[in-house]
Amino acid sequence: MHLANLLGVPGVAVFGPQRPEWFGPRGPHDRVVIRPEFSCRPCSDYCIFDQPYCLRAISSDEVYEAVESQMNHLGKSEKGLNRFFHGL
């Protein structure tokens, strides 16, 4: 995620127990997948539940849609698509 941001490549970041404001991608076209309804964030490794529901609540469909959105964004620009697949 951080290397993609450094190279100007849009990315998708999945957040559970951490806050994207602290560690998240900073690019204008980056996507963050998160379930905001968990008020116990950030907990790091000290989850109050028996498992990290904030991560488990994120569906694979949500992640897929975010990735698909990024790929569509890159596909609109041939230059962006070339940078994504062939480097700078």
PDB file of N, CA and C in Angstrom:
ATOM      1  N   MET A   1       0.828  -1.175   0.000  1.00  0.00           N
ATOM      2  CA  MET A   1       0.000   0.000   0.000  1.00  0.00           C
ATOM      3  C   MET A   1       0.883   1.254   0.000  1.00  0.00           C
ATOM      4  N   HIS A   2       1.892   1.266   0.837  1.00  0.00           N
ATOM      5  CA  HIS A   2       2.728   2.464   0.920  1.00  0.00           C
ATOM      6  C   HIS A   2       3.614   2.618  -0.319  1.00  0.00           C
ATOM      7  N   LEU A   3       4.092   1.521  -0.859  1.00  0.00           N
ATOM      8  CA  LEU A   3       4.886   1.590  -2.090  1.00  0.00           C
ATOM      9  C   LEU A   3       4.025   2.025  -3.266  1.00  0.00           C
ATOM     10  N   ALA A   4       2.809   1.498  -3.333  1.00  0.00           N
ATOM     11  CA  ALA A   4       1.897   1.905  -4.403  1.00  0.00           C
ATOM     12  C   ALA A   4       1.649   3.408  -4.328  1.00  0.00           C
ATOM     13  N   ASN A   5       1.464   3.910  -3.123  1.00  0.00           N
ATOM     14  CA  ASN A   5       1.244   5.341  -2.943  1.00  0.00           C
ATOM     15  C   ASN A   5       2.460   6.141  -3.376  1.00  0.00           C
ATOM     16  N   LEU A   6       3.638   5.670  -3.038  1.00  0.00           N
ATOM     17  CA  LEU A   6       4.878   6.333  -3.429  1.00  0.00           C
ATOM     18  C   LEU A   6       5.012   6.398  -4.946  1.00  0.00           C
ATOM     19  N   LEU A   7       4.585   5.327  -5.639  1.00  0.00           N
ATOM     20  CA  LEU A   7       4.690   5.264  -7.091  1.00  0.00           C
ATOM     21  C   LEU A   7       3.487   5.877  -7.807  1.00  0.00           C
ATOM     22  N   GLY A   8       2.502   6.348  -7.036  1.00  0.00           N
ATOM     23  CA  GLY A   8       1.330   6.963  -7.644  1.00  0.00           C
ATOM     24  C   GLY A   8       0.347   5.964  -8.216  1.00  0.00           C
ATOM     25  N   VAL A   9       0.392   4.730  -7.738  1.00  0.00           N
ATOM     26  CA  VAL A   9      -0.518   3.688  -8.210  1.00  0.00           C
ATOM     27  C   VAL A   9      -1.691   3.607  -7.237  1.00  0.00           C
ATOM     28  N   PRO A  10      -2.918   3.788  -7.711  1.00  0.00           N
ATOM     29  CA  PRO A  10      -4.074   3.691  -6.816  1.00  0.00           C
ATOM     30  C   PRO A  10      -4.132   2.309  -6.167  1.00  0.00           C
ATOM     31  N   GLY A  11      -4.571   2.286  -4.924  1.00  0.00           N
ATOM     32  CA  GLY A  11      -4.621   1.018  -4.209  1.00  0.00           C
ATOM     33  C   GLY A  11      -5.910   0.846  -3.432  1.00  0.00           C
ATOM     34  N   VAL A  12      -6.071  -0.356  -2.911  1.00  0.00           N
ATOM     35  CA  VAL A  12      -7.202  -0.702  -2.058  1.00  0.00           C
ATOM     36  C   VAL A  12      -6.623  -1.207  -0.747  1.00  0.00           C
ATOM     37  N   ALA A  13      -7.070  -0.642   0.357  1.00  0.00           N
ATOM     38  CA  ALA A  13      -6.598  -1.054   1.676  1.00  0.00           C
ATOM     39  C   ALA A  13      -7.783  -1.536   2.504  1.00  0.00           C
ATOM     40  N   VAL A  14      -7.604  -2.656   3.179  1.00  0.00           N
ATOM     41  CA  VAL A  14      -8.630  -3.224   4.053  1.00  0.00           C
ATOM     42  C   VAL A  14      -8.204  -2.932   5.490  1.00  0.00           C
ATOM     43  N   PHE A  15      -9.106  -2.303   6.248  1.00  0.00           N
ATOM     44  CA  PHE A  15      -8.795  -1.945   7.630  1.00  0.00           C
ATOM     45  C   PHE A  15      -9.762  -2.608   8.586  1.00  0.00           C
ATOM     46  N   GLY A  16      -9.201  -3.176   9.634  1.00  0.00           N
ATOM     47  CA  GLY A  16      -9.982  -3.761  10.713  1.00  0.00           C
ATOM     48  C   GLY A  16      -9.735  -2.995  11.988  1.00  0.00           C
ATOM     49  N   PRO A  17      -8.739  -3.431  12.795  1.00  0.00           N
ATOM     50  CA  PRO A  17      -8.543  -2.824  14.104  1.00  0.00           C
ATOM     51  C   PRO A  17      -7.756  -1.515  14.110  1.00  0.00           C
ATOM     52  N   GLN A  18      -7.289  -1.063  13.003  1.00  0.00           N
ATOM     53  CA  GLN A  18      -6.533   0.190  12.964  1.00  0.00           C
ATOM     54  C   GLN A  18      -7.353   1.287  12.296  1.00  0.00           C
ATOM     55  N   ARG A  19      -6.872   2.486  12.375  1.00  0.00           N
ATOM     56  CA  ARG A  19      -7.564   3.636  11.793  1.00  0.00           C
ATOM     57  C   ARG A  19      -6.890   4.026  10.483  1.00  0.00           C
ATOM     58  N   PRO A  20      -7.650   4.131   9.410  1.00  0.00           N
ATOM     59  CA  PRO A  20      -7.048   4.520   8.131  1.00  0.00           C
ATOM     60  C   PRO A  20      -6.476   5.931   8.153  1.00  0.00           C
ATOM     61  N   GLU A  21      -6.974   6.776   9.045  1.00  0.00           N
ATOM     62  CA  GLU A  21      -6.427   8.134   9.144  1.00  0.00           C
ATOM     63  C   GLU A  21      -4.965   8.094   9.577  1.00  0.00           C
ATOM     64  N   TRP A  22      -4.593   7.080  10.323  1.00  0.00           N
ATOM     65  CA  TRP A  22      -3.229   6.955  10.824  1.00  0.00           C
ATOM     66  C   TRP A  22      -2.320   6.229   9.847  1.00  0.00           C
ATOM     67  N   PHE A  23      -2.819   5.133   9.264  1.00  0.00           N
ATOM     68  CA  PHE A  23      -1.969   4.262   8.457  1.00  0.00           C
ATOM     69  C   PHE A  23      -2.445   4.109   7.027  1.00  0.00           C
ATOM     70  N   GLY A  24      -3.550   4.729   6.692  1.00  0.00           N
ATOM     71  CA  GLY A  24      -4.186   4.483   5.412  1.00  0.00           C
ATOM     72  C   GLY A  24      -3.485   5.088   4.213  1.00  0.00           C
ATOM     73  N   PRO A  25      -3.931   4.710   3.054  1.00  0.00           N
ATOM     74  CA  PRO A  25      -3.376   5.282   1.830  1.00  0.00           C
ATOM     75  C   PRO A  25      -3.741   6.753   1.735  1.00  0.00           C
ATOM     76  N   ARG A  26      -2.892   7.507   1.108  1.00  0.00           N
ATOM     77  CA  ARG A  26      -3.076   8.958   1.047  1.00  0.00           C
ATOM     78  C   ARG A  26      -3.381   9.478  -0.353  1.00  0.00           C
ATOM     79  N   GLY A  27      -3.378   8.594  -1.340  1.00  0.00           N
ATOM     80  CA  GLY A  27      -3.606   9.021  -2.706  1.00  0.00           C
ATOM     81  C   GLY A  27      -5.046   9.442  -2.950  1.00  0.00           C
ATOM     82  N   PRO A  28      -5.257  10.328  -3.895  1.00  0.00           N
ATOM     83  CA  PRO A  28      -6.610  10.824  -4.159  1.00  0.00           C
ATOM     84  C   PRO A  28      -7.547   9.771  -4.739  1.00  0.00           C
ATOM     85  N   HIS A  29      -7.013   8.715  -5.310  1.00  0.00           N
ATOM     86  CA  HIS A  29      -7.863   7.698  -5.913  1.00  0.00           C
ATOM     87  C   HIS A  29      -7.832   6.388  -5.152  1.00  0.00           C
ATOM     88  N   ASP A  30      -7.217   6.362  -3.978  1.00  0.00           N
ATOM     89  CA  ASP A  30      -7.162   5.146  -3.182  1.00  0.00           C
ATOM     90  C   ASP A  30      -8.521   4.851  -2.575  1.00  0.00           C
ATOM     91  N   ARG A  31      -8.755   3.589  -2.318  1.00  0.00           N
ATOM     92  CA  ARG A  31      -9.998   3.147  -1.699  1.00  0.00           C
ATOM     93  C   ARG A  31      -9.673   2.473  -0.377  1.00  0.00           C
ATOM     94  N   VAL A  32     -10.519   2.723   0.611  1.00  0.00           N
ATOM     95  CA  VAL A  32     -10.408   2.080   1.917  1.00  0.00           C
ATOM     96  C   VAL A  32     -11.666   1.257   2.128  1.00  0.00           C
ATOM     97  N   VAL A  33     -11.491  -0.002   2.479  1.00  0.00           N
ATOM     98  CA  VAL A  33     -12.610  -0.877   2.813  1.00  0.00           C
ATOM     99  C   VAL A  33     -12.582  -1.030   4.326  1.00  0.00           C
ATOM    100  N   ILE A  34     -13.660  -0.602   4.980  1.00  0.00           N
ATOM    101  CA  ILE A  34     -13.709  -0.610   6.440  1.00  0.00           C
ATOM    102  C   ILE A  34     -15.167  -0.670   6.866  1.00  0.00           C
ATOM    103  N   ARG A  35     -15.415  -1.248   8.020  1.00  0.00           N
ATOM    104  CA  ARG A  35     -16.751  -1.216   8.613  1.00  0.00           C
ATOM    105  C   ARG A  35     -16.708  -0.182   9.728  1.00  0.00           C
ATOM    106  N   PRO A  36     -17.225   1.023   9.489  1.00  0.00           N
ATOM    107  CA  PRO A  36     -17.070   2.130  10.443  1.00  0.00           C
ATOM    108  C   PRO A  36     -17.890   1.997  11.721  1.00  0.00           C
ATOM    109  N   GLU A  37     -18.814   1.050  11.775  1.00  0.00           N
ATOM    110  CA  GLU A  37     -19.708   0.986  12.931  1.00  0.00           C
ATOM    111  C   GLU A  37     -19.052   0.435  14.199  1.00  0.00           C
ATOM    112  N   PHE A  38     -17.792   0.031  14.124  1.00  0.00           N
ATOM    113  CA  PHE A  38     -17.107  -0.491  15.303  1.00  0.00           C
ATOM    114  C   PHE A  38     -16.417   0.663  16.038  1.00  0.00           C
ATOM    115  N   SER A  39     -16.999   1.047  17.157  1.00  0.00           N
ATOM    116  CA  SER A  39     -16.470   2.197  17.906  1.00  0.00           C
ATOM    117  C   SER A  39     -15.265   1.826  18.767  1.00  0.00           C
ATOM    118  N   CYS A  40     -14.927   0.551  18.847  1.00  0.00           N
ATOM    119  CA  CYS A  40     -13.803   0.121  19.680  1.00  0.00           C
ATOM    120  C   CYS A  40     -12.462   0.277  18.972  1.00  0.00           C
ATOM    121  N   ARG A  41     -12.457   0.727  17.740  1.00  0.00           N
ATOM    122  CA  ARG A  41     -11.231   0.940  16.969  1.00  0.00           C
ATOM    123  C   ARG A  41     -10.498   2.160  17.478  1.00  0.00           C
ATOM    124  N   PRO A  42      -9.240   2.219  17.617  1.00  0.00           N
ATOM    125  CA  PRO A  42      -8.255   1.186  17.319  1.00  0.00           C
ATOM    126  C   PRO A  42      -7.992   0.318  18.553  1.00  0.00           C
ATOM    127  N   CYS A  43      -7.859  -0.959  18.323  1.00  0.00           N
ATOM    128  CA  CYS A  43      -7.563  -1.860  19.438  1.00  0.00           C
ATOM    129  C   CYS A  43      -6.240  -2.584  19.240  1.00  0.00           C
ATOM    130  N   SER A  44      -5.694  -2.518  18.033  1.00  0.00           N
ATOM    131  CA  SER A  44      -4.443  -3.217  17.708  1.00  0.00           C
ATOM    132  C   SER A  44      -4.585  -4.694  18.025  1.00  0.00           C
ATOM    133  N   ASP A  45      -3.768  -5.209  18.921  1.00  0.00           N
ATOM    134  CA  ASP A  45      -3.824  -6.634  19.265  1.00  0.00           C
ATOM    135  C   ASP A  45      -4.609  -6.895  20.541  1.00  0.00           C
ATOM    136  N   TYR A  46      -5.372  -5.918  20.997  1.00  0.00           N
ATOM    137  CA  TYR A  46      -6.081  -6.056  22.261  1.00  0.00           C
ATOM    138  C   TYR A  46      -7.592  -5.999  22.043  1.00  0.00           C
ATOM    139  N   CYS A  47      -8.094  -6.860  21.178  1.00  0.00           N
ATOM    140  CA  CYS A  47      -9.520  -6.877  20.843  1.00  0.00           C
ATOM    141  C   CYS A  47     -10.347  -7.266  22.069  1.00  0.00           C
ATOM    142  N   ILE A  48     -11.455  -6.567  22.287  1.00  0.00           N
ATOM    143  CA  ILE A  48     -12.330  -6.884  23.412  1.00  0.00           C
ATOM    144  C   ILE A  48     -13.243  -8.067  23.105  1.00  0.00           C
ATOM    145  N   PHE A  49     -13.272  -8.473  21.851  1.00  0.00           N
ATOM    146  CA  PHE A  49     -14.081  -9.622  21.451  1.00  0.00           C
ATOM    147  C   PHE A  49     -13.194 -10.856  21.322  1.00  0.00           C
ATOM    148  N   ASP A  50     -13.816 -12.004  21.154  1.00  0.00           N
ATOM    149  CA  ASP A  50     -13.038 -13.238  21.010  1.00  0.00           C
ATOM    150  C   ASP A  50     -12.403 -13.374  19.631  1.00  0.00           C
ATOM    151  N   GLN A  51     -12.781 -12.501  18.701  1.00  0.00           N
ATOM    152  CA  GLN A  51     -12.189 -12.469  17.366  1.00  0.00           C
ATOM    153  C   GLN A  51     -12.395 -11.074  16.786  1.00  0.00           C
ATOM    154  N   PRO A  52     -11.605 -10.693  15.797  1.00  0.00           N
ATOM    155  CA  PRO A  52     -11.723  -9.326  15.249  1.00  0.00           C
ATOM    156  C   PRO A  52     -12.924  -9.188  14.303  1.00  0.00           C
ATOM    157  N   TYR A  53     -14.080  -8.916  14.891  1.00  0.00           N
ATOM    158  CA  TYR A  53     -15.295  -8.798  14.084  1.00  0.00           C
ATOM    159  C   TYR A  53     -15.208  -7.646  13.088  1.00  0.00           C
ATOM    160  N   CYS A  54     -14.414  -6.639  13.398  1.00  0.00           N
ATOM    161  CA  CYS A  54     -14.282  -5.505  12.480  1.00  0.00           C
ATOM    162  C   CYS A  54     -13.691  -5.960  11.148  1.00  0.00           C
ATOM    163  N   LEU A  55     -12.845  -6.977  11.173  1.00  0.00           N
ATOM    164  CA  LEU A  55     -12.302  -7.546   9.929  1.00  0.00           C
ATOM    165  C   LEU A  55     -13.229  -8.600   9.357  1.00  0.00           C
ATOM    166  N   ARG A  56     -13.768  -9.437  10.213  1.00  0.00           N
ATOM    167  CA  ARG A  56     -14.643 -10.518   9.740  1.00  0.00           C
ATOM    168  C   ARG A  56     -15.925  -9.987   9.114  1.00  0.00           C
ATOM    169  N   ALA A  57     -16.344  -8.787   9.505  1.00  0.00           N
ATOM    170  CA  ALA A  57     -17.578  -8.200   8.968  1.00  0.00           C
ATOM    171  C   ALA A  57     -17.404  -7.678   7.544  1.00  0.00           C
ATOM    172  N   ILE A  58     -16.173  -7.528   7.101  1.00  0.00           N
ATOM    173  CA  ILE A  58     -15.917  -7.063   5.731  1.00  0.00           C
ATOM    174  C   ILE A  58     -16.050  -8.262   4.798  1.00  0.00           C
ATOM    175  N   SER A  59     -16.959  -8.152   3.866  1.00  0.00           N
ATOM    176  CA  SER A  59     -17.196  -9.278   2.952  1.00  0.00           C
ATOM    177  C   SER A  59     -16.205  -9.254   1.790  1.00  0.00           C
ATOM    178  N   SER A  60     -16.017 -10.410   1.225  1.00  0.00           N
ATOM    179  CA  SER A  60     -15.159 -10.490   0.039  1.00  0.00           C
ATOM    180  C   SER A  60     -15.769  -9.697  -1.105  1.00  0.00           C
ATOM    181  N   ASP A  61     -17.095  -9.588  -1.143  1.00  0.00           N
ATOM    182  CA  ASP A  61     -17.754  -8.782  -2.178  1.00  0.00           C
ATOM    183  C   ASP A  61     -17.395  -7.306  -2.050  1.00  0.00           C
ATOM    184  N   GLU A  62     -17.300  -6.796  -0.822  1.00  0.00           N
ATOM    185  CA  GLU A  62     -16.915  -5.400  -0.614  1.00  0.00           C
ATOM    186  C   GLU A  62     -15.501  -5.144  -1.131  1.00  0.00           C
ATOM    187  N   VAL A  63     -14.600  -6.072  -0.838  1.00  0.00           N
ATOM    188  CA  VAL A  63     -13.220  -5.929  -1.296  1.00  0.00           C
ATOM    189  C   VAL A  63     -13.168  -6.028  -2.813  1.00  0.00           C
ATOM    190  N   TYR A  64     -13.889  -6.988  -3.376  1.00  0.00           N
ATOM    191  CA  TYR A  64     -13.908  -7.173  -4.827  1.00  0.00           C
ATOM    192  C   TYR A  64     -14.424  -5.911  -5.518  1.00  0.00           C
ATOM    193  N   GLU A  65     -15.500  -5.327  -4.993  1.00  0.00           N
ATOM    194  CA  GLU A  65     -16.059  -4.114  -5.594  1.00  0.00           C
ATOM    195  C   GLU A  65     -15.056  -2.956  -5.557  1.00  0.00           C
ATOM    196  N   ALA A  66     -14.320  -2.839  -4.460  1.00  0.00           N
ATOM    197  CA  ALA A  66     -13.315  -1.770  -4.358  1.00  0.00           C
ATOM    198  C   ALA A  66     -12.194  -1.993  -5.368  1.00  0.00           C
ATOM    199  N   VAL A  67     -11.744  -3.237  -5.515  1.00  0.00           N
ATOM    200  CA  VAL A  67     -10.690  -3.553  -6.488  1.00  0.00           C
ATOM    201  C   VAL A  67     -11.201  -3.334  -7.902  1.00  0.00           C
ATOM    202  N   GLU A  68     -12.420  -3.764  -8.162  1.00  0.00           N
ATOM    203  CA  GLU A  68     -13.008  -3.583  -9.490  1.00  0.00           C
ATOM    204  C   GLU A  68     -13.125  -2.096  -9.827  1.00  0.00           C
ATOM    205  N   SER A  69     -13.504  -1.292  -8.845  1.00  0.00           N
ATOM    206  CA  SER A  69     -13.592   0.158  -9.047  1.00  0.00           C
ATOM    207  C   SER A  69     -12.222   0.733  -9.401  1.00  0.00           C
ATOM    208  N   GLN A  70     -11.189   0.277  -8.713  1.00  0.00           N
ATOM    209  CA  GLN A  70      -9.832   0.749  -9.013  1.00  0.00           C
ATOM    210  C   GLN A  70      -9.411   0.335 -10.411  1.00  0.00           C
ATOM    211  N   MET A  71      -9.684  -0.896 -10.781  1.00  0.00           N
ATOM    212  CA  MET A  71      -9.306  -1.372 -12.112  1.00  0.00           C
ATOM    213  C   MET A  71     -10.054  -0.602 -13.198  1.00  0.00           C
ATOM    214  N   ASN A  72     -11.324  -0.295 -12.958  1.00  0.00           N
ATOM    215  CA  ASN A  72     -12.088   0.503 -13.916  1.00  0.00           C
ATOM    216  C   ASN A  72     -11.506   1.904 -14.036  1.00  0.00           C
ATOM    217  N   HIS A  73     -11.105   2.466 -12.911  1.00  0.00           N
ATOM    218  CA  HIS A  73     -10.488   3.795 -12.926  1.00  0.00           C
ATOM    219  C   HIS A  73      -9.192   3.773 -13.733  1.00  0.00           C
ATOM    220  N   LEU A  74      -8.383   2.744 -13.522  1.00  0.00           N
ATOM    221  CA  LEU A  74      -7.135   2.619 -14.274  1.00  0.00           C
ATOM    222  C   LEU A  74      -7.400   2.372 -15.754  1.00  0.00           C
ATOM    223  N   GLY A  75      -8.437   1.604 -16.050  1.00  0.00           N
ATOM    224  CA  GLY A  75      -8.762   1.280 -17.433  1.00  0.00           C
ATOM    225  C   GLY A  75      -9.232   2.480 -18.230  1.00  0.00           C
ATOM    226  N   LYS A  76      -9.747   3.500 -17.561  1.00  0.00           N
ATOM    227  CA  LYS A  76     -10.200   4.707 -18.260  1.00  0.00           C
ATOM    228  C   LYS A  76      -9.039   5.506 -18.818  1.00  0.00           C
ATOM    229  N   SER A  77      -7.889   5.278 -18.259  1.00  0.00           N
ATOM    230  CA  SER A  77      -6.695   5.984 -18.700  1.00  0.00           C
ATOM    231  C   SER A  77      -5.671   4.980 -19.174  1.00  0.00           C
ATOM    232  N   GLU A  78      -5.375   4.987 -20.452  1.00  0.00           N
ATOM    233  CA  GLU A  78      -4.382   4.051 -20.982  1.00  0.00           C
ATOM    234  C   GLU A  78      -3.042   4.256 -20.304  1.00  0.00           C
ATOM    235  N   LYS A  79      -2.722   5.505 -20.025  1.00  0.00           N
ATOM    236  CA  LYS A  79      -1.468   5.794 -19.334  1.00  0.00           C
ATOM    237  C   LYS A  79      -1.469   5.157 -17.949  1.00  0.00           C
ATOM    238  N   GLY A  80      -2.569   5.289 -17.233  1.00  0.00           N
ATOM    239  CA  GLY A  80      -2.673   4.696 -15.902  1.00  0.00           C
ATOM    240  C   GLY A  80      -2.579   3.191 -15.944  1.00  0.00           C
ATOM    241  N   LEU A  81      -3.204   2.583 -16.931  1.00  0.00           N
ATOM    242  CA  LEU A  81      -3.156   1.129 -17.067  1.00  0.00           C
ATOM    243  C   LEU A  81      -1.753   0.670 -17.409  1.00  0.00           C
ATOM    244  N   ASN A  82      -1.072   1.394 -18.294  1.00  0.00           N
ATOM    245  CA  ASN A  82       0.311   1.035 -18.630  1.00  0.00           C
ATOM    246  C   ASN A  82       1.223   1.160 -17.415  1.00  0.00           C
ATOM    247  N   ARG A  83       1.039   2.206 -16.612  1.00  0.00           N
ATOM    248  CA  ARG A  83       1.853   2.366 -15.399  1.00  0.00           C
ATOM    249  C   ARG A  83       1.593   1.227 -14.435  1.00  0.00           C
ATOM    250  N   PHE A  84       0.342   0.804 -14.349  1.00  0.00           N
ATOM    251  CA  PHE A  84      -0.008  -0.262 -13.411  1.00  0.00           C
ATOM    252  C   PHE A  84       0.653  -1.574 -13.814  1.00  0.00           C
ATOM    253  N   PHE A  85       0.609  -1.919 -15.095  1.00  0.00           N
ATOM    254  CA  PHE A  85       1.111  -3.207 -15.534  1.00  0.00           C
ATOM    255  C   PHE A  85       2.583  -3.209 -15.906  1.00  0.00           C
ATOM    256  N   HIS A  86       3.148  -2.077 -16.290  1.00  0.00           N
ATOM    257  CA  HIS A  86       4.528  -2.061 -16.791  1.00  0.00           C
ATOM    258  C   HIS A  86       5.477  -1.206 -15.974  1.00  0.00           C
ATOM    259  N   GLY A  87       5.017  -0.660 -14.885  1.00  0.00           N
ATOM    260  CA  GLY A  87       5.896   0.180 -14.054  1.00  0.00           C
ATOM    261  C   GLY A  87       5.999   1.587 -14.627  1.00  0.00           C
ATOM    262  N   LEU A  88       6.808   2.387 -14.003  1.00  0.00           N
ATOM    263  CA  LEU A  88       6.911   3.800 -14.398  1.00  0.00           C
ATOM    264  C   LEU A  88       7.691   3.991 -15.651  1.00  0.00           C
TER     265      LEU A  88
END
